């Protein structure tokens, strides 16, 4: 097996960028990023200066729209949003902003940023949905059940009422349902509120590991 170096992911990223540059001179050729739904979400949701606090959306104008993305996080390196076919309410996807098909394709910086945000988002989802048990699942490749070819983590709340089989809960599987946009708007707002509280709490801490996390994942 060839030795791994910290520049491996960078070389992979540069080779993808170089290939994209070569293809870009031929308008008829599309890159993986052009067809990737998560890249589209990334392009449509630039990094935000702050997390929107919780406000109840108006019920006078329903927001049912399959094109709606319910964002919970948007930073220079990482984005988070509700799954459009959730296994349970509060099912969140956490993904790098820039395209990478598998976790092996991430740069060290992207991996560090995802790792810093993962426990923060998981705590926020747990509090927002009032559940203690969650699946955190990450798949690589079609044979490993990866559907969208863009690295992503599933954060799946498992409430007490959940009665799925052990195999489903172990591997983050189960019965999916369409996302209700009105309910999702409330859930996303609650999760964003919890993230904002989490970041405020961490910002007041002098613990060294927390300090390193805030460096990797700057306060929004």
N, C-alpha and C. Protein backbone atom coordinates (compact mmCIF):
# COMPACT_ATOMS: atom_id res chain seq x y z
N UNK A 1 0.85 -1.19 0.00
CA UNK A 1 0.00 0.00 0.00
C UNK A 1 0.88 1.24 0.00
N UNK A 2 0.65 2.22 -0.88
CA UNK A 2 1.49 3.41 -0.91
C UNK A 2 1.33 4.22 0.37
N UNK A 3 2.44 4.84 0.76
CA UNK A 3 2.42 5.64 1.98
C UNK A 3 1.53 6.86 1.81
N UNK A 4 0.77 7.19 2.86
CA UNK A 4 -0.09 8.38 2.83
C UNK A 4 0.70 9.57 3.33
N UNK A 5 0.56 10.68 2.67
CA UNK A 5 1.15 11.93 3.13
C UNK A 5 0.05 12.95 3.26
N UNK A 6 0.32 13.99 4.05
CA UNK A 6 -0.71 15.02 4.27
C UNK A 6 -1.02 15.80 3.02
N UNK A 7 -0.19 15.65 1.99
CA UNK A 7 -0.46 16.37 0.74
C UNK A 7 -1.31 15.58 -0.23
N UNK A 8 -1.66 14.32 0.14
CA UNK A 8 -2.42 13.47 -0.78
C UNK A 8 -3.73 14.11 -1.16
N UNK A 9 -4.51 14.54 -0.15
CA UNK A 9 -5.82 15.15 -0.44
C UNK A 9 -5.65 16.43 -1.23
N UNK A 10 -4.59 17.20 -0.92
CA UNK A 10 -4.37 18.45 -1.67
C UNK A 10 -4.10 18.15 -3.14
N UNK A 11 -3.26 17.11 -3.39
CA UNK A 11 -2.97 16.77 -4.77
C UNK A 11 -4.24 16.34 -5.49
N UNK A 12 -5.07 15.58 -4.76
CA UNK A 12 -6.34 15.15 -5.35
C UNK A 12 -7.20 16.34 -5.69
N UNK A 13 -7.25 17.32 -4.77
CA UNK A 13 -8.05 18.52 -5.01
C UNK A 13 -7.48 19.31 -6.19
N UNK A 14 -6.13 19.43 -6.24
CA UNK A 14 -5.53 20.19 -7.35
C UNK A 14 -5.78 19.50 -8.68
N UNK A 15 -5.72 18.16 -8.68
CA UNK A 15 -5.94 17.45 -9.94
C UNK A 15 -7.37 17.63 -10.39
N UNK A 16 -8.32 17.64 -9.43
CA UNK A 16 -9.71 17.87 -9.81
C UNK A 16 -9.89 19.28 -10.33
N UNK A 17 -9.24 20.25 -9.66
CA UNK A 17 -9.35 21.64 -10.10
C UNK A 17 -8.72 21.83 -11.47
N UNK A 18 -7.57 21.16 -11.71
CA UNK A 18 -6.92 21.26 -13.00
C UNK A 18 -7.78 20.68 -14.10
N UNK A 19 -8.40 19.52 -13.79
CA UNK A 19 -9.28 18.90 -14.78
C UNK A 19 -10.47 19.80 -15.07
N UNK A 20 -10.97 20.44 -14.03
CA UNK A 20 -12.11 21.35 -14.21
C UNK A 20 -11.71 22.52 -15.09
N UNK A 21 -10.49 23.04 -14.88
CA UNK A 21 -10.03 24.16 -15.71
C UNK A 21 -9.91 23.76 -17.16
N UNK A 22 -9.42 22.54 -17.40
CA UNK A 22 -9.29 22.09 -18.78
C UNK A 22 -10.65 21.95 -19.44
N UNK A 23 -11.60 21.41 -18.65
CA UNK A 23 -12.94 21.22 -19.20
C UNK A 23 -13.67 22.53 -19.39
N UNK A 24 -13.32 23.54 -18.57
CA UNK A 24 -14.08 24.79 -18.59
C UNK A 24 -13.94 25.53 -19.92
N UNK A 25 -12.90 25.21 -20.70
CA UNK A 25 -12.75 25.89 -21.98
C UNK A 25 -13.67 25.29 -23.03
N UNK A 26 -14.34 24.16 -22.68
CA UNK A 26 -15.29 23.53 -23.58
C UNK A 26 -16.67 23.59 -22.94
N UNK A 27 -17.51 24.55 -23.29
CA UNK A 27 -18.77 24.77 -22.61
C UNK A 27 -19.67 23.54 -22.58
N UNK A 28 -19.52 22.62 -23.52
CA UNK A 28 -20.42 21.47 -23.58
C UNK A 28 -20.08 20.41 -22.54
N UNK A 29 -18.94 20.53 -21.84
CA UNK A 29 -18.52 19.55 -20.87
C UNK A 29 -18.87 20.02 -19.46
N UNK A 30 -19.49 19.11 -18.69
CA UNK A 30 -19.90 19.46 -17.33
C UNK A 30 -19.01 18.72 -16.33
N UNK A 31 -18.73 19.38 -15.22
CA UNK A 31 -17.95 18.75 -14.15
C UNK A 31 -18.90 18.07 -13.18
N UNK A 32 -18.34 17.28 -12.26
CA UNK A 32 -19.14 16.63 -11.23
C UNK A 32 -19.88 17.66 -10.39
N UNK A 33 -19.22 18.79 -10.13
CA UNK A 33 -19.82 19.84 -9.31
C UNK A 33 -21.08 20.40 -9.95
N UNK A 34 -21.12 20.47 -11.30
CA UNK A 34 -22.28 21.03 -11.99
C UNK A 34 -23.54 20.21 -11.73
N UNK A 35 -23.39 18.90 -11.59
CA UNK A 35 -24.53 18.01 -11.43
C UNK A 35 -24.79 17.62 -9.98
N UNK A 36 -23.97 18.06 -9.06
CA UNK A 36 -24.08 17.65 -7.66
C UNK A 36 -25.11 18.50 -6.92
N UNK A 37 -26.15 17.88 -6.34
CA UNK A 37 -27.17 18.67 -5.63
C UNK A 37 -26.62 19.39 -4.40
N UNK A 38 -25.63 18.81 -3.73
CA UNK A 38 -25.07 19.47 -2.56
C UNK A 38 -24.21 20.66 -2.96
N UNK A 39 -23.54 20.57 -4.10
CA UNK A 39 -22.79 21.73 -4.60
C UNK A 39 -23.74 22.87 -4.97
N UNK A 40 -24.91 22.52 -5.51
CA UNK A 40 -25.91 23.54 -5.83
C UNK A 40 -26.37 24.24 -4.56
N UNK A 41 -26.61 23.47 -3.50
CA UNK A 41 -26.99 24.07 -2.22
C UNK A 41 -25.88 24.97 -1.71
N UNK A 42 -24.63 24.52 -1.85
CA UNK A 42 -23.48 25.31 -1.41
C UNK A 42 -23.41 26.64 -2.16
N UNK A 43 -23.58 26.58 -3.49
CA UNK A 43 -23.52 27.81 -4.28
C UNK A 43 -24.67 28.75 -3.96
N UNK A 44 -25.81 28.19 -3.59
CA UNK A 44 -26.99 29.00 -3.32
C UNK A 44 -27.01 29.58 -1.91
N UNK A 45 -26.10 29.12 -1.06
CA UNK A 45 -26.10 29.55 0.34
C UNK A 45 -24.69 29.94 0.77
N UNK A 46 -24.27 31.17 0.47
CA UNK A 46 -22.92 31.61 0.85
C UNK A 46 -22.77 31.66 2.36
N UNK A 47 -21.53 31.71 2.81
CA UNK A 47 -21.23 31.77 4.23
C UNK A 47 -21.94 32.96 4.87
N UNK A 48 -22.55 32.73 6.05
CA UNK A 48 -23.31 33.77 6.73
C UNK A 48 -22.51 34.38 7.86
N UNK A 49 -22.79 35.65 8.15
CA UNK A 49 -22.09 36.33 9.23
C UNK A 49 -22.63 35.92 10.59
N UNK A 50 -23.89 35.46 10.65
CA UNK A 50 -24.46 35.05 11.92
C UNK A 50 -25.55 34.01 11.68
N UNK A 51 -25.90 33.29 12.74
CA UNK A 51 -26.96 32.31 12.67
C UNK A 51 -28.27 33.00 13.00
N UNK A 52 -29.28 32.81 12.16
CA UNK A 52 -30.56 33.44 12.36
C UNK A 52 -31.22 32.90 13.63
N UNK A 53 -31.64 33.77 14.56
CA UNK A 53 -32.30 33.28 15.77
C UNK A 53 -33.68 32.71 15.47
N UNK A 54 -34.23 32.00 16.45
CA UNK A 54 -35.52 31.35 16.24
C UNK A 54 -36.65 32.38 16.14
N UNK A 55 -37.44 32.28 15.09
CA UNK A 55 -38.70 33.01 14.97
C UNK A 55 -39.70 32.08 14.31
N UNK A 56 -40.93 32.08 14.79
CA UNK A 56 -41.95 31.21 14.22
C UNK A 56 -42.35 31.73 12.86
N UNK A 57 -42.26 30.92 11.79
CA UNK A 57 -42.67 31.39 10.47
C UNK A 57 -44.16 31.63 10.39
N UNK A 58 -44.57 32.54 9.53
CA UNK A 58 -45.98 32.84 9.36
C UNK A 58 -46.70 31.65 8.75
N UNK A 59 -47.91 31.37 9.25
CA UNK A 59 -48.71 30.29 8.68
C UNK A 59 -49.65 30.82 7.60
N UNK A 60 -49.61 32.13 7.37
CA UNK A 60 -50.49 32.73 6.37
C UNK A 60 -50.07 32.37 4.95
N UNK A 61 -48.79 32.10 4.77
CA UNK A 61 -48.28 31.76 3.44
C UNK A 61 -47.48 30.47 3.52
N UNK A 62 -48.11 29.31 3.27
CA UNK A 62 -47.41 28.02 3.36
C UNK A 62 -46.17 28.01 2.47
N UNK A 63 -45.16 27.26 2.91
CA UNK A 63 -43.88 27.25 2.20
C UNK A 63 -43.57 25.92 1.56
N UNK A 64 -44.60 25.10 1.27
CA UNK A 64 -44.35 23.79 0.66
C UNK A 64 -43.71 23.96 -0.70
N UNK A 65 -42.48 23.53 -0.83
CA UNK A 65 -41.73 23.71 -2.07
C UNK A 65 -40.59 22.72 -2.08
N UNK A 66 -40.57 21.82 -3.03
CA UNK A 66 -39.53 20.80 -3.09
C UNK A 66 -38.15 21.38 -3.30
N UNK A 67 -38.08 22.64 -3.77
CA UNK A 67 -36.78 23.25 -4.01
C UNK A 67 -36.23 23.93 -2.76
N UNK A 68 -37.03 24.02 -1.69
CA UNK A 68 -36.59 24.69 -0.48
C UNK A 68 -35.51 23.87 0.23
N UNK A 69 -34.44 24.55 0.64
CA UNK A 69 -33.41 23.93 1.46
C UNK A 69 -33.45 24.58 2.83
N UNK A 70 -33.63 23.79 3.86
CA UNK A 70 -33.72 24.31 5.22
C UNK A 70 -32.33 24.25 5.85
N UNK A 71 -31.62 25.37 5.76
CA UNK A 71 -30.25 25.45 6.23
C UNK A 71 -30.19 25.59 7.74
N UNK A 72 -29.18 24.96 8.33
CA UNK A 72 -28.91 25.17 9.75
C UNK A 72 -27.51 25.74 9.97
N UNK A 73 -26.64 25.65 8.95
CA UNK A 73 -25.26 26.10 9.10
C UNK A 73 -24.67 26.43 7.74
N UNK A 74 -23.92 27.53 7.66
CA UNK A 74 -23.26 27.89 6.41
C UNK A 74 -21.97 28.64 6.74
N UNK A 75 -20.83 27.93 6.66
CA UNK A 75 -19.53 28.52 6.96
C UNK A 75 -18.63 28.42 5.72
N UNK A 76 -17.45 28.99 5.74
CA UNK A 76 -16.57 28.89 4.57
C UNK A 76 -16.21 27.45 4.20
N UNK A 77 -16.19 26.53 5.16
CA UNK A 77 -15.77 25.15 4.90
C UNK A 77 -16.90 24.13 4.95
N UNK A 78 -17.97 24.41 5.72
CA UNK A 78 -18.98 23.40 6.03
C UNK A 78 -20.38 23.99 5.89
N UNK A 79 -21.32 23.17 5.39
CA UNK A 79 -22.73 23.55 5.39
C UNK A 79 -23.55 22.43 6.02
N UNK A 80 -24.70 22.78 6.59
CA UNK A 80 -25.59 21.81 7.18
C UNK A 80 -27.03 22.16 6.84
N UNK A 81 -27.86 21.14 6.61
CA UNK A 81 -29.25 21.37 6.21
C UNK A 81 -30.06 20.13 6.52
N UNK A 82 -31.39 20.28 6.53
CA UNK A 82 -32.27 19.15 6.79
C UNK A 82 -32.36 18.26 5.56
N UNK A 83 -32.37 16.94 5.79
CA UNK A 83 -32.55 15.96 4.72
C UNK A 83 -33.96 16.09 4.17
N UNK A 84 -34.11 16.07 2.83
CA UNK A 84 -35.43 16.22 2.23
C UNK A 84 -36.27 14.94 2.34
N UNK A 85 -35.62 13.82 2.67
CA UNK A 85 -36.35 12.57 2.90
C UNK A 85 -35.89 12.02 4.26
N UNK A 86 -36.34 12.64 5.35
CA UNK A 86 -35.78 12.30 6.67
C UNK A 86 -36.23 10.94 7.18
N UNK A 87 -35.35 10.32 7.94
CA UNK A 87 -35.68 9.09 8.65
C UNK A 87 -36.44 9.40 9.93
N UNK A 88 -36.28 10.62 10.44
CA UNK A 88 -37.02 11.10 11.60
C UNK A 88 -36.94 12.62 11.59
N UNK A 89 -37.86 13.32 12.26
CA UNK A 89 -37.78 14.78 12.31
C UNK A 89 -36.45 15.25 12.89
N UNK A 90 -35.83 16.22 12.25
CA UNK A 90 -34.53 16.71 12.70
C UNK A 90 -33.35 16.02 12.04
N UNK A 91 -33.58 15.15 11.06
CA UNK A 91 -32.52 14.46 10.31
C UNK A 91 -31.71 15.51 9.54
N UNK A 92 -30.44 15.65 9.90
CA UNK A 92 -29.56 16.70 9.36
C UNK A 92 -28.45 16.08 8.53
N UNK A 93 -28.05 16.78 7.47
CA UNK A 93 -26.87 16.43 6.68
C UNK A 93 -25.80 17.49 6.92
N UNK A 94 -24.59 17.05 7.22
CA UNK A 94 -23.44 17.94 7.40
C UNK A 94 -22.42 17.59 6.34
N UNK A 95 -21.98 18.57 5.56
CA UNK A 95 -21.16 18.27 4.40
C UNK A 95 -20.14 19.37 4.14
N UNK A 96 -18.99 19.05 3.53
CA UNK A 96 -18.06 20.11 3.16
C UNK A 96 -18.65 20.98 2.06
N UNK A 97 -18.32 22.25 2.10
CA UNK A 97 -18.86 23.17 1.09
C UNK A 97 -18.35 22.82 -0.31
N UNK A 98 -17.09 22.47 -0.45
CA UNK A 98 -16.50 22.18 -1.75
C UNK A 98 -16.63 20.69 -2.08
N UNK A 99 -16.70 20.38 -3.35
CA UNK A 99 -17.01 19.02 -3.78
C UNK A 99 -15.87 18.05 -3.47
N UNK A 100 -16.23 16.94 -2.85
CA UNK A 100 -15.34 15.80 -2.65
C UNK A 100 -16.25 14.59 -2.55
N UNK A 101 -15.98 13.56 -3.35
CA UNK A 101 -16.90 12.43 -3.43
C UNK A 101 -16.87 11.57 -2.18
N UNK A 102 -15.67 11.24 -1.69
CA UNK A 102 -15.53 10.36 -0.54
C UNK A 102 -14.68 11.03 0.52
N UNK A 103 -14.76 10.49 1.73
CA UNK A 103 -14.03 11.10 2.83
C UNK A 103 -12.53 11.07 2.59
N UNK A 104 -12.07 10.10 1.80
CA UNK A 104 -10.64 10.02 1.48
C UNK A 104 -10.18 11.18 0.59
N UNK A 105 -11.13 11.88 -0.04
CA UNK A 105 -10.80 12.98 -0.95
C UNK A 105 -10.72 14.33 -0.24
N UNK A 106 -11.03 14.38 1.06
CA UNK A 106 -11.01 15.66 1.77
C UNK A 106 -9.58 16.13 2.03
N UNK A 107 -9.40 17.42 2.05
CA UNK A 107 -8.13 17.97 2.50
C UNK A 107 -8.09 17.89 4.03
N UNK A 108 -6.91 17.96 4.64
CA UNK A 108 -6.83 17.95 6.11
C UNK A 108 -7.66 19.07 6.74
N UNK A 109 -7.66 20.25 6.10
CA UNK A 109 -8.43 21.37 6.64
C UNK A 109 -9.93 21.09 6.62
N UNK A 110 -10.42 20.50 5.53
CA UNK A 110 -11.84 20.17 5.45
C UNK A 110 -12.22 19.11 6.48
N UNK A 111 -11.37 18.10 6.61
CA UNK A 111 -11.64 17.06 7.59
C UNK A 111 -11.66 17.61 9.01
N UNK A 112 -10.73 18.52 9.31
CA UNK A 112 -10.67 19.11 10.64
C UNK A 112 -11.91 19.96 10.92
N UNK A 113 -12.36 20.70 9.92
CA UNK A 113 -13.54 21.55 10.11
C UNK A 113 -14.80 20.72 10.31
N UNK A 114 -14.96 19.66 9.50
CA UNK A 114 -16.10 18.76 9.69
C UNK A 114 -16.05 18.12 11.08
N UNK A 115 -14.87 17.68 11.49
CA UNK A 115 -14.72 17.06 12.80
C UNK A 115 -15.03 18.02 13.94
N UNK A 116 -14.70 19.30 13.76
CA UNK A 116 -14.97 20.30 14.79
C UNK A 116 -16.46 20.58 14.91
N UNK A 117 -17.15 20.63 13.77
CA UNK A 117 -18.57 20.96 13.78
C UNK A 117 -19.45 19.78 14.16
N UNK A 118 -19.01 18.55 13.93
CA UNK A 118 -19.88 17.39 14.11
C UNK A 118 -20.45 17.28 15.53
N UNK A 119 -19.65 17.37 16.59
CA UNK A 119 -20.24 17.28 17.93
C UNK A 119 -21.11 18.49 18.27
N UNK A 120 -20.77 19.65 17.72
CA UNK A 120 -21.57 20.85 17.97
C UNK A 120 -22.97 20.68 17.39
N UNK A 121 -23.04 20.25 16.12
CA UNK A 121 -24.33 20.08 15.47
C UNK A 121 -25.11 18.94 16.12
N UNK A 122 -24.42 17.87 16.51
CA UNK A 122 -25.10 16.75 17.15
C UNK A 122 -25.72 17.18 18.48
N UNK A 123 -25.00 17.96 19.27
CA UNK A 123 -25.57 18.46 20.53
C UNK A 123 -26.77 19.36 20.25
N UNK A 124 -26.64 20.21 19.23
CA UNK A 124 -27.74 21.12 18.90
C UNK A 124 -28.99 20.36 18.46
N UNK A 125 -28.81 19.35 17.63
CA UNK A 125 -29.94 18.53 17.18
C UNK A 125 -30.56 17.79 18.36
N UNK A 126 -29.73 17.25 19.24
CA UNK A 126 -30.22 16.52 20.40
C UNK A 126 -31.10 17.40 21.26
N UNK A 127 -30.65 18.62 21.53
CA UNK A 127 -31.45 19.52 22.37
C UNK A 127 -32.69 20.01 21.64
N UNK A 128 -32.55 20.37 20.37
CA UNK A 128 -33.68 20.90 19.62
C UNK A 128 -34.80 19.89 19.49
N UNK A 129 -34.43 18.61 19.30
CA UNK A 129 -35.42 17.56 19.11
C UNK A 129 -35.74 16.82 20.41
N UNK A 130 -35.03 17.19 21.51
CA UNK A 130 -35.25 16.59 22.83
C UNK A 130 -35.10 15.06 22.80
N UNK A 131 -33.99 14.63 22.20
CA UNK A 131 -33.66 13.21 22.15
C UNK A 131 -32.22 13.01 22.61
N UNK A 132 -31.98 11.87 23.24
CA UNK A 132 -30.63 11.54 23.69
C UNK A 132 -29.92 10.57 22.74
N UNK A 133 -30.68 9.81 21.98
CA UNK A 133 -30.12 8.79 21.10
C UNK A 133 -30.16 9.26 19.65
N UNK A 134 -29.01 9.16 18.97
CA UNK A 134 -28.91 9.58 17.59
C UNK A 134 -27.97 8.64 16.83
N UNK A 135 -28.20 8.50 15.53
CA UNK A 135 -27.22 7.88 14.63
C UNK A 135 -26.39 8.99 14.01
N UNK A 136 -25.09 8.76 13.91
CA UNK A 136 -24.20 9.61 13.11
C UNK A 136 -23.57 8.66 12.09
N UNK A 137 -23.93 8.83 10.80
CA UNK A 137 -23.59 7.86 9.76
C UNK A 137 -22.88 8.57 8.61
N UNK A 138 -21.83 7.93 8.09
CA UNK A 138 -21.12 8.48 6.94
C UNK A 138 -20.78 7.33 5.99
N UNK A 139 -21.29 7.39 4.76
CA UNK A 139 -21.12 6.32 3.78
C UNK A 139 -20.17 6.75 2.64
N UNK A 140 -19.43 5.80 2.11
CA UNK A 140 -18.49 6.08 1.02
C UNK A 140 -18.66 5.06 -0.09
N UNK A 141 -19.24 5.48 -1.20
CA UNK A 141 -19.41 4.61 -2.35
C UNK A 141 -20.76 3.92 -2.38
N UNK A 142 -21.16 3.52 -3.60
CA UNK A 142 -22.49 2.93 -3.81
C UNK A 142 -22.68 1.65 -2.99
N UNK A 143 -21.64 0.81 -2.89
CA UNK A 143 -21.77 -0.44 -2.14
C UNK A 143 -21.87 -0.20 -0.64
N UNK A 144 -21.54 1.02 -0.21
CA UNK A 144 -21.67 1.39 1.20
C UNK A 144 -22.88 2.29 1.43
N UNK A 145 -23.82 2.26 0.46
CA UNK A 145 -25.11 2.98 0.58
C UNK A 145 -25.00 4.49 0.40
N UNK A 146 -23.89 4.97 -0.21
CA UNK A 146 -23.81 6.40 -0.52
C UNK A 146 -24.65 6.67 -1.77
N UNK A 147 -25.58 7.61 -1.67
CA UNK A 147 -26.46 7.95 -2.79
C UNK A 147 -25.95 9.20 -3.50
N UNK A 148 -25.75 10.28 -2.77
CA UNK A 148 -25.22 11.51 -3.36
C UNK A 148 -23.69 11.46 -3.30
N UNK A 149 -23.04 11.65 -4.43
CA UNK A 149 -21.58 11.52 -4.51
C UNK A 149 -20.89 12.80 -4.04
N UNK A 150 -21.15 13.15 -2.81
CA UNK A 150 -20.54 14.31 -2.16
C UNK A 150 -20.50 13.95 -0.68
N UNK A 151 -19.32 14.01 -0.07
CA UNK A 151 -19.16 13.60 1.33
C UNK A 151 -20.24 14.23 2.21
N UNK A 152 -20.89 13.42 3.04
CA UNK A 152 -21.85 13.98 3.98
C UNK A 152 -22.05 13.04 5.16
N UNK A 153 -22.31 13.64 6.31
CA UNK A 153 -22.68 12.92 7.51
C UNK A 153 -24.18 13.05 7.73
N UNK A 154 -24.82 11.93 8.10
CA UNK A 154 -26.21 11.94 8.54
C UNK A 154 -26.22 12.04 10.06
N UNK A 155 -27.00 12.96 10.59
CA UNK A 155 -27.25 13.03 12.03
C UNK A 155 -28.74 12.78 12.20
N UNK A 156 -29.09 11.61 12.77
CA UNK A 156 -30.46 11.12 12.75
C UNK A 156 -30.97 10.93 14.18
N UNK A 157 -31.89 11.79 14.63
CA UNK A 157 -32.45 11.59 15.97
C UNK A 157 -33.26 10.29 16.04
N UNK A 158 -33.17 9.59 17.17
CA UNK A 158 -33.95 8.37 17.39
C UNK A 158 -34.79 8.56 18.65
N UNK A 159 -36.01 9.09 18.52
CA UNK A 159 -36.85 9.33 19.68
C UNK A 159 -37.31 8.04 20.33
N UNK A 160 -37.85 8.15 21.54
CA UNK A 160 -38.29 6.96 22.28
C UNK A 160 -39.37 6.20 21.53
N UNK A 161 -40.15 6.91 20.73
CA UNK A 161 -41.22 6.26 19.98
C UNK A 161 -40.71 5.44 18.80
N UNK A 162 -39.39 5.58 18.50
CA UNK A 162 -38.82 4.88 17.35
C UNK A 162 -38.71 3.39 17.66
N UNK A 163 -39.28 2.55 16.77
CA UNK A 163 -39.31 1.10 17.02
C UNK A 163 -38.69 0.30 15.89
N UNK A 164 -37.83 0.91 15.09
CA UNK A 164 -37.22 0.21 13.96
C UNK A 164 -36.31 -0.91 14.44
N UNK A 165 -35.97 -1.81 13.52
CA UNK A 165 -35.11 -2.94 13.87
C UNK A 165 -33.71 -2.48 14.23
N UNK A 166 -32.98 -3.36 14.92
CA UNK A 166 -31.61 -3.02 15.33
C UNK A 166 -30.73 -2.72 14.12
N UNK A 167 -30.89 -3.48 13.03
CA UNK A 167 -30.07 -3.26 11.84
C UNK A 167 -30.31 -1.87 11.27
N UNK A 168 -31.55 -1.40 11.29
CA UNK A 168 -31.85 -0.06 10.76
C UNK A 168 -31.17 1.01 11.61
N UNK A 169 -31.32 0.91 12.93
CA UNK A 169 -30.74 1.94 13.77
C UNK A 169 -29.22 1.87 13.77
N UNK A 170 -28.66 0.66 13.62
CA UNK A 170 -27.21 0.52 13.61
C UNK A 170 -26.60 1.20 12.40
N UNK A 171 -27.23 1.08 11.25
CA UNK A 171 -26.66 1.60 10.02
C UNK A 171 -27.37 2.86 9.51
N UNK A 172 -28.21 3.45 10.35
CA UNK A 172 -28.86 4.69 9.97
C UNK A 172 -29.88 4.51 8.88
N UNK A 173 -30.57 3.37 8.87
CA UNK A 173 -31.59 3.13 7.85
C UNK A 173 -32.97 3.22 8.49
N UNK A 174 -34.00 3.05 7.66
CA UNK A 174 -35.35 3.09 8.18
C UNK A 174 -36.31 3.62 7.13
N UNK A 175 -37.55 3.84 7.55
CA UNK A 175 -38.59 4.33 6.66
C UNK A 175 -38.46 5.83 6.49
N UNK A 176 -38.30 6.26 5.24
CA UNK A 176 -38.18 7.68 4.96
C UNK A 176 -39.53 8.28 4.61
N UNK A 177 -39.66 9.58 4.82
CA UNK A 177 -40.89 10.29 4.47
C UNK A 177 -40.54 11.65 3.89
N UNK A 178 -41.45 12.22 3.11
CA UNK A 178 -41.22 13.54 2.54
C UNK A 178 -41.14 14.59 3.65
N UNK A 179 -40.24 15.55 3.47
CA UNK A 179 -40.09 16.63 4.44
C UNK A 179 -41.24 17.61 4.30
N UNK A 180 -41.91 17.90 5.39
CA UNK A 180 -42.94 18.93 5.41
C UNK A 180 -42.27 20.27 5.65
N UNK A 181 -42.39 21.19 4.69
CA UNK A 181 -41.61 22.42 4.75
C UNK A 181 -42.01 23.34 5.89
N UNK A 182 -43.29 23.36 6.26
CA UNK A 182 -43.69 24.21 7.38
C UNK A 182 -43.12 23.69 8.69
N UNK A 183 -43.19 22.38 8.89
CA UNK A 183 -42.59 21.78 10.08
C UNK A 183 -41.07 21.93 10.05
N UNK A 184 -40.48 21.76 8.86
CA UNK A 184 -39.02 21.84 8.73
C UNK A 184 -38.51 23.24 9.07
N UNK A 185 -39.27 24.27 8.69
CA UNK A 185 -38.85 25.64 8.99
C UNK A 185 -38.74 25.84 10.50
N UNK A 186 -39.68 25.29 11.25
CA UNK A 186 -39.63 25.38 12.71
C UNK A 186 -38.46 24.59 13.28
N UNK A 187 -38.26 23.37 12.77
CA UNK A 187 -37.17 22.53 13.26
C UNK A 187 -35.82 23.17 12.98
N UNK A 188 -35.62 23.66 11.74
CA UNK A 188 -34.34 24.27 11.38
C UNK A 188 -34.07 25.50 12.25
N UNK A 189 -35.11 26.28 12.52
CA UNK A 189 -34.93 27.47 13.35
C UNK A 189 -34.54 27.08 14.77
N UNK A 190 -35.14 26.03 15.32
CA UNK A 190 -34.78 25.58 16.66
C UNK A 190 -33.33 25.09 16.71
N UNK A 191 -32.92 24.35 15.68
CA UNK A 191 -31.54 23.86 15.64
C UNK A 191 -30.57 25.02 15.53
N UNK A 192 -30.87 26.01 14.67
CA UNK A 192 -30.00 27.19 14.56
C UNK A 192 -29.88 27.92 15.89
N UNK A 193 -30.99 28.00 16.60
CA UNK A 193 -30.95 28.66 17.91
C UNK A 193 -30.03 27.91 18.86
N UNK A 194 -30.09 26.59 18.83
CA UNK A 194 -29.23 25.78 19.70
C UNK A 194 -27.76 25.90 19.29
N UNK A 195 -27.50 25.99 17.98
CA UNK A 195 -26.12 26.18 17.53
C UNK A 195 -25.59 27.52 18.03
N UNK A 196 -26.41 28.57 17.93
CA UNK A 196 -25.99 29.89 18.39
C UNK A 196 -25.68 29.86 19.89
N UNK A 197 -26.52 29.16 20.67
CA UNK A 197 -26.26 29.03 22.10
C UNK A 197 -24.97 28.26 22.34
N UNK A 198 -24.77 27.20 21.58
CA UNK A 198 -23.56 26.38 21.72
C UNK A 198 -22.31 27.19 21.44
N UNK A 199 -22.34 28.00 20.39
CA UNK A 199 -21.16 28.80 20.05
C UNK A 199 -20.91 29.88 21.08
N UNK A 200 -21.98 30.45 21.63
CA UNK A 200 -21.82 31.44 22.70
C UNK A 200 -21.18 30.80 23.92
N UNK A 201 -21.63 29.60 24.27
CA UNK A 201 -21.06 28.89 25.41
C UNK A 201 -19.58 28.58 25.19
N UNK A 202 -19.23 28.13 23.99
CA UNK A 202 -17.85 27.79 23.70
C UNK A 202 -16.97 29.02 23.68
N UNK A 203 -17.52 30.14 23.22
CA UNK A 203 -16.75 31.37 23.17
C UNK A 203 -16.36 31.89 24.52
N UNK A 204 -17.12 31.49 25.55
CA UNK A 204 -16.83 31.92 26.91
C UNK A 204 -15.94 30.95 27.67
N UNK A 205 -15.52 29.88 26.99
CA UNK A 205 -14.72 28.85 27.64
C UNK A 205 -13.23 29.10 27.43
N UNK A 206 -12.41 28.75 28.41
CA UNK A 206 -10.96 28.86 28.26
C UNK A 206 -10.31 27.49 28.11
N UNK A 207 -11.13 26.46 27.99
CA UNK A 207 -10.60 25.11 27.84
C UNK A 207 -9.85 24.99 26.51
N UNK A 208 -8.64 24.44 26.53
CA UNK A 208 -7.80 24.41 25.33
C UNK A 208 -8.43 23.68 24.16
N UNK A 209 -9.04 22.47 24.36
CA UNK A 209 -9.66 21.80 23.21
C UNK A 209 -10.77 22.63 22.59
N UNK A 210 -11.54 23.34 23.42
CA UNK A 210 -12.60 24.20 22.89
C UNK A 210 -11.98 25.34 22.10
N UNK A 211 -10.87 25.88 22.58
CA UNK A 211 -10.21 26.96 21.85
C UNK A 211 -9.77 26.49 20.48
N UNK A 212 -9.20 25.28 20.40
CA UNK A 212 -8.77 24.78 19.10
C UNK A 212 -9.97 24.59 18.17
N UNK A 213 -11.11 24.16 18.73
CA UNK A 213 -12.31 23.98 17.92
C UNK A 213 -12.80 25.30 17.36
N UNK A 214 -12.77 26.36 18.16
CA UNK A 214 -13.24 27.65 17.68
C UNK A 214 -12.33 28.19 16.60
N UNK A 215 -11.06 27.82 16.63
CA UNK A 215 -10.14 28.25 15.57
C UNK A 215 -10.51 27.55 14.25
N UNK A 216 -10.79 26.26 14.34
CA UNK A 216 -11.14 25.51 13.14
C UNK A 216 -12.54 25.86 12.62
N UNK A 217 -13.44 26.16 13.54
CA UNK A 217 -14.82 26.47 13.19
C UNK A 217 -15.19 27.81 13.77
N UNK A 218 -14.87 28.91 13.09
CA UNK A 218 -15.05 30.24 13.65
C UNK A 218 -16.49 30.52 14.03
N UNK A 219 -16.66 31.31 15.06
CA UNK A 219 -18.01 31.65 15.54
C UNK A 219 -18.77 32.40 14.46
N UNK A 220 -20.04 32.03 14.28
CA UNK A 220 -20.87 32.68 13.25
C UNK A 220 -21.55 33.91 13.81
